[in-house]
């Protein structure tokens, strides 16, 4: 079984705090659980539903974008975690950031799927 670098709650919060603007609403949403959101990803890993770092990055990005665990900046946090996961798992990033933003918006709006995002990532990285 392949070992992947994963991310924990504390580091997702650090990433969120780095991407949120000064005048935006900070903090975790009261009625959502970041722990539960990340556990969904880790369960997929444990049960073999994630085959590579692209699947892992897409899974984190999807669950964070759709989970709305933060009061603001969920999609930006999602994209930043995606970058983190790819980088930490040795994947060189080679795609336009604005295009990734469009993908994250499409994921959050149910216009694209996690599987489609993973495929797009594979086709745009070295």
N, C-alpha and C. Protein backbone atom coordinates (compact mmCIF):
# COMPACT_ATOMS: atom_id res chain seq x y z
N UNK A 1 0.85 -1.19 0.00
CA UNK A 1 0.00 0.00 0.00
C UNK A 1 0.89 1.25 0.00
N UNK A 2 0.57 2.18 -0.85
CA UNK A 2 1.34 3.42 -0.98
C UNK A 2 1.07 4.30 0.25
N UNK A 3 2.13 4.89 0.77
CA UNK A 3 2.01 5.83 1.89
C UNK A 3 2.00 7.26 1.34
N UNK A 4 0.99 8.00 1.68
CA UNK A 4 0.87 9.38 1.23
C UNK A 4 1.09 10.33 2.40
N UNK A 5 1.58 11.53 2.08
CA UNK A 5 1.58 12.61 3.06
C UNK A 5 0.16 13.13 3.11
N UNK A 6 -0.41 13.19 4.31
CA UNK A 6 -1.76 13.71 4.50
C UNK A 6 -1.67 15.00 5.32
N UNK A 7 -2.81 15.57 5.59
CA UNK A 7 -2.84 16.83 6.34
C UNK A 7 -3.81 16.69 7.51
N UNK A 8 -3.48 17.35 8.59
CA UNK A 8 -4.33 17.28 9.77
C UNK A 8 -5.09 18.60 9.95
N UNK A 9 -5.98 18.59 10.92
CA UNK A 9 -6.84 19.74 11.18
C UNK A 9 -6.03 21.00 11.44
N UNK A 10 -5.01 20.89 12.28
CA UNK A 10 -4.22 22.07 12.64
C UNK A 10 -3.58 22.72 11.42
N UNK A 11 -3.07 21.90 10.50
CA UNK A 11 -2.42 22.46 9.32
C UNK A 11 -3.42 23.01 8.31
N UNK A 12 -4.60 22.42 8.22
CA UNK A 12 -5.63 23.01 7.36
C UNK A 12 -6.01 24.39 7.91
N UNK A 13 -6.13 24.50 9.22
CA UNK A 13 -6.45 25.79 9.83
C UNK A 13 -5.34 26.80 9.56
N UNK A 14 -4.08 26.38 9.66
CA UNK A 14 -2.97 27.28 9.35
C UNK A 14 -3.03 27.76 7.89
N UNK A 15 -3.33 26.84 6.98
CA UNK A 15 -3.47 27.22 5.56
C UNK A 15 -4.62 28.20 5.41
N UNK A 16 -5.74 27.90 6.03
CA UNK A 16 -6.90 28.80 5.95
C UNK A 16 -6.53 30.20 6.45
N UNK A 17 -5.86 30.25 7.58
CA UNK A 17 -5.48 31.55 8.16
C UNK A 17 -4.52 32.32 7.25
N UNK A 18 -3.76 31.60 6.44
CA UNK A 18 -2.82 32.25 5.52
C UNK A 18 -3.52 32.79 4.28
N UNK A 19 -4.64 32.19 3.87
CA UNK A 19 -5.29 32.62 2.63
C UNK A 19 -6.45 33.58 2.83
N UNK A 20 -6.96 33.68 4.05
CA UNK A 20 -8.13 34.53 4.27
C UNK A 20 -7.71 36.01 4.34
N UNK A 21 -8.57 36.87 3.84
CA UNK A 21 -8.31 38.30 3.86
C UNK A 21 -8.56 38.90 5.24
N UNK A 22 -7.97 40.06 5.47
CA UNK A 22 -8.06 40.71 6.79
C UNK A 22 -9.48 41.11 7.16
N UNK A 23 -10.31 41.43 6.18
CA UNK A 23 -11.67 41.90 6.47
C UNK A 23 -12.72 40.81 6.32
N UNK A 24 -12.27 39.57 6.15
CA UNK A 24 -13.21 38.46 6.00
C UNK A 24 -13.48 37.81 7.35
N UNK A 25 -14.58 37.09 7.41
CA UNK A 25 -14.98 36.43 8.64
C UNK A 25 -14.11 35.21 8.90
N UNK A 26 -13.34 35.26 9.96
CA UNK A 26 -12.38 34.20 10.29
C UNK A 26 -13.04 33.10 11.12
N UNK A 27 -12.34 31.99 11.21
CA UNK A 27 -12.73 30.93 12.12
C UNK A 27 -13.55 29.83 11.48
N UNK A 28 -13.77 28.81 12.30
CA UNK A 28 -14.55 27.65 11.88
C UNK A 28 -16.04 27.93 12.02
N UNK A 29 -16.82 27.38 11.10
CA UNK A 29 -18.27 27.48 11.19
C UNK A 29 -18.73 26.67 12.40
N UNK A 30 -19.68 27.19 13.12
CA UNK A 30 -20.12 26.55 14.36
C UNK A 30 -20.83 25.22 14.13
N UNK A 31 -21.51 25.08 13.02
CA UNK A 31 -22.32 23.87 12.79
C UNK A 31 -21.65 22.84 11.88
N UNK A 32 -20.36 23.00 11.61
CA UNK A 32 -19.64 22.08 10.73
C UNK A 32 -18.43 21.53 11.46
N UNK A 33 -17.94 20.37 11.01
CA UNK A 33 -16.79 19.74 11.65
C UNK A 33 -15.68 19.52 10.64
N UNK A 34 -14.60 20.27 10.80
CA UNK A 34 -13.43 20.06 9.96
C UNK A 34 -12.85 18.67 10.21
N UNK A 35 -12.87 18.24 11.45
CA UNK A 35 -12.36 16.90 11.78
C UNK A 35 -13.11 15.83 11.00
N UNK A 36 -14.43 15.92 10.97
CA UNK A 36 -15.24 14.95 10.24
C UNK A 36 -14.99 15.02 8.74
N UNK A 37 -14.80 16.22 8.23
CA UNK A 37 -14.51 16.39 6.80
C UNK A 37 -13.21 15.71 6.43
N UNK A 38 -12.17 15.93 7.21
CA UNK A 38 -10.87 15.30 6.92
C UNK A 38 -10.94 13.79 7.15
N UNK A 39 -11.72 13.36 8.11
CA UNK A 39 -11.86 11.92 8.37
C UNK A 39 -12.48 11.20 7.18
N UNK A 40 -13.35 11.86 6.45
CA UNK A 40 -13.93 11.26 5.23
C UNK A 40 -12.82 10.94 4.23
N UNK A 41 -11.87 11.87 4.07
CA UNK A 41 -10.74 11.63 3.18
C UNK A 41 -9.90 10.47 3.70
N UNK A 42 -9.60 10.49 4.98
CA UNK A 42 -8.73 9.46 5.56
C UNK A 42 -9.40 8.08 5.51
N UNK A 43 -10.74 8.03 5.62
CA UNK A 43 -11.45 6.76 5.47
C UNK A 43 -11.33 6.24 4.04
N UNK A 44 -11.42 7.11 3.08
CA UNK A 44 -11.25 6.68 1.68
C UNK A 44 -9.86 6.11 1.46
N UNK A 45 -8.87 6.73 2.07
CA UNK A 45 -7.50 6.21 1.99
C UNK A 45 -7.42 4.81 2.61
N UNK A 46 -7.95 4.68 3.79
CA UNK A 46 -7.88 3.43 4.53
C UNK A 46 -8.56 2.29 3.77
N UNK A 47 -9.65 2.57 3.09
CA UNK A 47 -10.40 1.53 2.39
C UNK A 47 -9.99 1.36 0.93
N UNK A 48 -8.91 2.05 0.51
CA UNK A 48 -8.35 1.83 -0.81
C UNK A 48 -9.03 2.53 -1.96
N UNK A 49 -9.81 3.57 -1.67
CA UNK A 49 -10.49 4.30 -2.73
C UNK A 49 -9.63 5.39 -3.36
N UNK A 50 -8.46 5.62 -2.81
CA UNK A 50 -7.54 6.64 -3.32
C UNK A 50 -6.30 5.93 -3.84
N UNK A 51 -6.05 6.06 -5.15
CA UNK A 51 -4.97 5.29 -5.76
C UNK A 51 -3.68 6.08 -5.92
N UNK A 52 -3.77 7.41 -5.96
CA UNK A 52 -2.56 8.21 -6.14
C UNK A 52 -2.74 9.59 -5.51
N UNK A 53 -1.69 10.38 -5.57
CA UNK A 53 -1.72 11.71 -4.96
C UNK A 53 -2.72 12.64 -5.63
N UNK A 54 -3.02 12.39 -6.91
CA UNK A 54 -4.01 13.21 -7.60
C UNK A 54 -5.40 12.96 -7.03
N UNK A 55 -5.73 11.68 -6.80
CA UNK A 55 -7.00 11.35 -6.15
C UNK A 55 -7.06 11.97 -4.76
N UNK A 56 -5.96 11.88 -4.02
CA UNK A 56 -5.92 12.40 -2.66
C UNK A 56 -6.13 13.91 -2.65
N UNK A 57 -5.42 14.63 -3.51
CA UNK A 57 -5.56 16.10 -3.58
C UNK A 57 -6.97 16.49 -3.99
N UNK A 58 -7.53 15.80 -4.98
CA UNK A 58 -8.89 16.09 -5.43
C UNK A 58 -9.91 15.80 -4.33
N UNK A 59 -9.68 14.75 -3.58
CA UNK A 59 -10.59 14.39 -2.49
C UNK A 59 -10.57 15.47 -1.40
N UNK A 60 -9.39 15.85 -0.96
CA UNK A 60 -9.30 16.93 0.03
C UNK A 60 -9.96 18.20 -0.50
N UNK A 61 -9.64 18.57 -1.73
CA UNK A 61 -10.18 19.81 -2.30
C UNK A 61 -11.70 19.78 -2.35
N UNK A 62 -12.24 18.66 -2.77
CA UNK A 62 -13.69 18.53 -2.89
C UNK A 62 -14.37 18.61 -1.53
N UNK A 63 -13.88 17.83 -0.58
CA UNK A 63 -14.53 17.79 0.72
C UNK A 63 -14.40 19.11 1.47
N UNK A 64 -13.28 19.78 1.33
CA UNK A 64 -13.11 21.08 2.01
C UNK A 64 -13.97 22.15 1.34
N UNK A 65 -13.99 22.17 0.01
CA UNK A 65 -14.80 23.17 -0.70
C UNK A 65 -16.29 23.00 -0.41
N UNK A 66 -16.74 21.75 -0.36
CA UNK A 66 -18.17 21.48 -0.18
C UNK A 66 -18.57 21.40 1.29
N UNK A 67 -17.59 21.19 2.17
CA UNK A 67 -17.89 21.04 3.59
C UNK A 67 -18.23 22.33 4.30
N UNK A 68 -17.76 23.45 3.76
CA UNK A 68 -18.03 24.78 4.35
C UNK A 68 -17.74 24.80 5.85
N UNK A 69 -16.59 24.26 6.22
CA UNK A 69 -16.21 24.19 7.64
C UNK A 69 -15.74 25.53 8.20
N UNK A 70 -15.39 26.45 7.31
CA UNK A 70 -14.93 27.77 7.74
C UNK A 70 -16.01 28.81 7.47
N UNK A 71 -15.96 29.90 8.18
CA UNK A 71 -16.92 30.97 7.95
C UNK A 71 -16.73 31.63 6.59
N UNK A 72 -15.51 31.62 6.09
CA UNK A 72 -15.20 32.23 4.79
C UNK A 72 -13.94 31.56 4.24
N UNK A 73 -13.68 31.73 2.97
CA UNK A 73 -12.47 31.27 2.29
C UNK A 73 -12.37 29.74 2.18
N UNK A 74 -13.48 29.06 2.11
CA UNK A 74 -13.47 27.61 1.97
C UNK A 74 -12.85 27.17 0.64
N UNK A 75 -13.21 27.82 -0.44
CA UNK A 75 -12.68 27.43 -1.76
C UNK A 75 -11.19 27.75 -1.87
N UNK A 76 -10.77 28.89 -1.35
CA UNK A 76 -9.33 29.21 -1.36
C UNK A 76 -8.54 28.23 -0.51
N UNK A 77 -9.09 27.87 0.64
CA UNK A 77 -8.44 26.88 1.49
C UNK A 77 -8.36 25.55 0.76
N UNK A 78 -9.43 25.19 0.09
CA UNK A 78 -9.48 23.95 -0.69
C UNK A 78 -8.36 23.92 -1.73
N UNK A 79 -8.21 24.99 -2.49
CA UNK A 79 -7.17 25.06 -3.52
C UNK A 79 -5.78 25.01 -2.89
N UNK A 80 -5.58 25.72 -1.79
CA UNK A 80 -4.27 25.73 -1.14
C UNK A 80 -3.92 24.36 -0.57
N UNK A 81 -4.89 23.66 -0.01
CA UNK A 81 -4.64 22.30 0.49
C UNK A 81 -4.32 21.37 -0.67
N UNK A 82 -4.99 21.53 -1.79
CA UNK A 82 -4.68 20.74 -2.99
C UNK A 82 -3.21 20.93 -3.38
N UNK A 83 -2.76 22.18 -3.45
CA UNK A 83 -1.36 22.47 -3.76
C UNK A 83 -0.43 21.81 -2.74
N UNK A 84 -0.77 21.93 -1.46
CA UNK A 84 0.04 21.35 -0.40
C UNK A 84 0.17 19.84 -0.57
N UNK A 85 -0.94 19.17 -0.79
CA UNK A 85 -0.93 17.71 -0.91
C UNK A 85 -0.11 17.28 -2.11
N UNK A 86 -0.30 17.92 -3.24
CA UNK A 86 0.49 17.54 -4.42
C UNK A 86 1.98 17.77 -4.17
N UNK A 87 2.32 18.93 -3.66
CA UNK A 87 3.73 19.26 -3.42
C UNK A 87 4.37 18.30 -2.41
N UNK A 88 3.69 18.07 -1.30
CA UNK A 88 4.23 17.20 -0.26
C UNK A 88 4.34 15.75 -0.69
N UNK A 89 3.59 15.38 -1.71
CA UNK A 89 3.66 14.02 -2.24
C UNK A 89 4.52 13.94 -3.50
N UNK A 90 5.34 14.97 -3.72
CA UNK A 90 6.34 14.94 -4.78
C UNK A 90 5.83 15.22 -6.18
N UNK A 91 4.69 15.85 -6.30
CA UNK A 91 4.12 16.17 -7.62
C UNK A 91 4.46 17.62 -7.95
N UNK A 92 5.10 17.82 -9.10
CA UNK A 92 5.40 19.18 -9.56
C UNK A 92 4.16 19.78 -10.19
N UNK A 93 3.80 20.94 -9.72
CA UNK A 93 2.58 21.61 -10.17
C UNK A 93 2.86 22.38 -11.46
N UNK A 94 2.02 22.15 -12.48
CA UNK A 94 2.24 22.76 -13.78
C UNK A 94 0.90 23.12 -14.42
N UNK A 95 0.12 23.98 -13.73
CA UNK A 95 -1.15 24.40 -14.29
C UNK A 95 -1.47 25.81 -13.81
N UNK A 96 -2.30 26.53 -14.58
CA UNK A 96 -2.63 27.90 -14.22
C UNK A 96 -3.49 27.97 -12.96
N UNK A 97 -3.12 28.82 -12.03
CA UNK A 97 -3.84 28.97 -10.78
C UNK A 97 -5.29 29.40 -11.01
N UNK A 98 -5.52 30.30 -11.96
CA UNK A 98 -6.89 30.76 -12.22
C UNK A 98 -7.77 29.62 -12.72
N UNK A 99 -7.19 28.74 -13.52
CA UNK A 99 -7.96 27.59 -14.00
C UNK A 99 -8.32 26.67 -12.84
N UNK A 100 -7.40 26.50 -11.90
CA UNK A 100 -7.70 25.71 -10.71
C UNK A 100 -8.86 26.34 -9.93
N UNK A 101 -8.84 27.66 -9.83
CA UNK A 101 -9.94 28.35 -9.15
C UNK A 101 -11.28 28.06 -9.79
N UNK A 102 -11.32 28.04 -11.12
CA UNK A 102 -12.55 27.70 -11.83
C UNK A 102 -12.99 26.27 -11.51
N UNK A 103 -12.02 25.37 -11.42
CA UNK A 103 -12.34 23.98 -11.06
C UNK A 103 -12.93 23.88 -9.66
N UNK A 104 -12.34 24.59 -8.72
CA UNK A 104 -12.82 24.53 -7.34
C UNK A 104 -14.24 25.09 -7.26
N UNK A 105 -14.50 26.17 -7.96
CA UNK A 105 -15.86 26.73 -8.00
C UNK A 105 -16.83 25.72 -8.60
N UNK A 106 -16.43 25.06 -9.68
CA UNK A 106 -17.28 24.05 -10.32
C UNK A 106 -17.53 22.87 -9.39
N UNK A 107 -16.52 22.47 -8.65
CA UNK A 107 -16.67 21.37 -7.67
C UNK A 107 -17.67 21.77 -6.59
N UNK A 108 -17.48 22.97 -6.04
CA UNK A 108 -18.35 23.44 -4.95
C UNK A 108 -19.79 23.61 -5.42
N UNK A 109 -19.97 23.85 -6.72
CA UNK A 109 -21.30 24.06 -7.30
C UNK A 109 -21.90 22.79 -7.89
N UNK A 110 -21.24 21.66 -7.69
CA UNK A 110 -21.68 20.37 -8.23
C UNK A 110 -21.73 20.32 -9.76
N UNK A 111 -20.93 21.16 -10.41
CA UNK A 111 -20.86 21.14 -11.87
C UNK A 111 -19.76 20.20 -12.35
N UNK A 112 -18.80 19.88 -11.50
CA UNK A 112 -17.71 18.94 -11.79
C UNK A 112 -17.60 18.00 -10.61
N UNK A 113 -16.93 16.86 -10.85
CA UNK A 113 -16.78 15.87 -9.79
C UNK A 113 -15.33 15.78 -9.33
N UNK A 114 -15.17 15.16 -8.20
CA UNK A 114 -13.85 14.88 -7.65
C UNK A 114 -13.01 14.04 -8.62
N UNK A 115 -13.64 13.07 -9.26
CA UNK A 115 -12.94 12.21 -10.23
C UNK A 115 -12.47 13.02 -11.43
N UNK A 116 -13.31 13.93 -11.91
CA UNK A 116 -12.92 14.80 -13.02
C UNK A 116 -11.75 15.70 -12.62
N UNK A 117 -11.79 16.23 -11.40
CA UNK A 117 -10.70 17.08 -10.92
C UNK A 117 -9.40 16.29 -10.87
N UNK A 118 -9.43 15.08 -10.36
CA UNK A 118 -8.21 14.25 -10.31
C UNK A 118 -7.66 14.01 -11.71
N UNK A 119 -8.53 13.76 -12.66
CA UNK A 119 -8.09 13.57 -14.05
C UNK A 119 -7.47 14.82 -14.62
N UNK A 120 -8.07 15.97 -14.34
CA UNK A 120 -7.51 17.24 -14.81
C UNK A 120 -6.14 17.49 -14.19
N UNK A 121 -6.01 17.19 -12.92
CA UNK A 121 -4.71 17.36 -12.25
C UNK A 121 -3.64 16.48 -12.90
N UNK A 122 -3.99 15.23 -13.18
CA UNK A 122 -3.03 14.31 -13.82
C UNK A 122 -2.56 14.87 -15.15
N UNK A 123 -3.47 15.48 -15.89
CA UNK A 123 -3.13 15.96 -17.23
C UNK A 123 -2.36 17.29 -17.21
N UNK A 124 -2.27 17.94 -16.05
CA UNK A 124 -1.61 19.25 -15.97
C UNK A 124 -0.44 19.30 -15.01
N UNK A 125 0.12 18.17 -14.68
CA UNK A 125 1.28 18.16 -13.81
C UNK A 125 2.39 17.33 -14.43
N UNK A 126 3.57 17.60 -13.97
CA UNK A 126 4.74 16.89 -14.52
C UNK A 126 4.93 15.56 -13.83
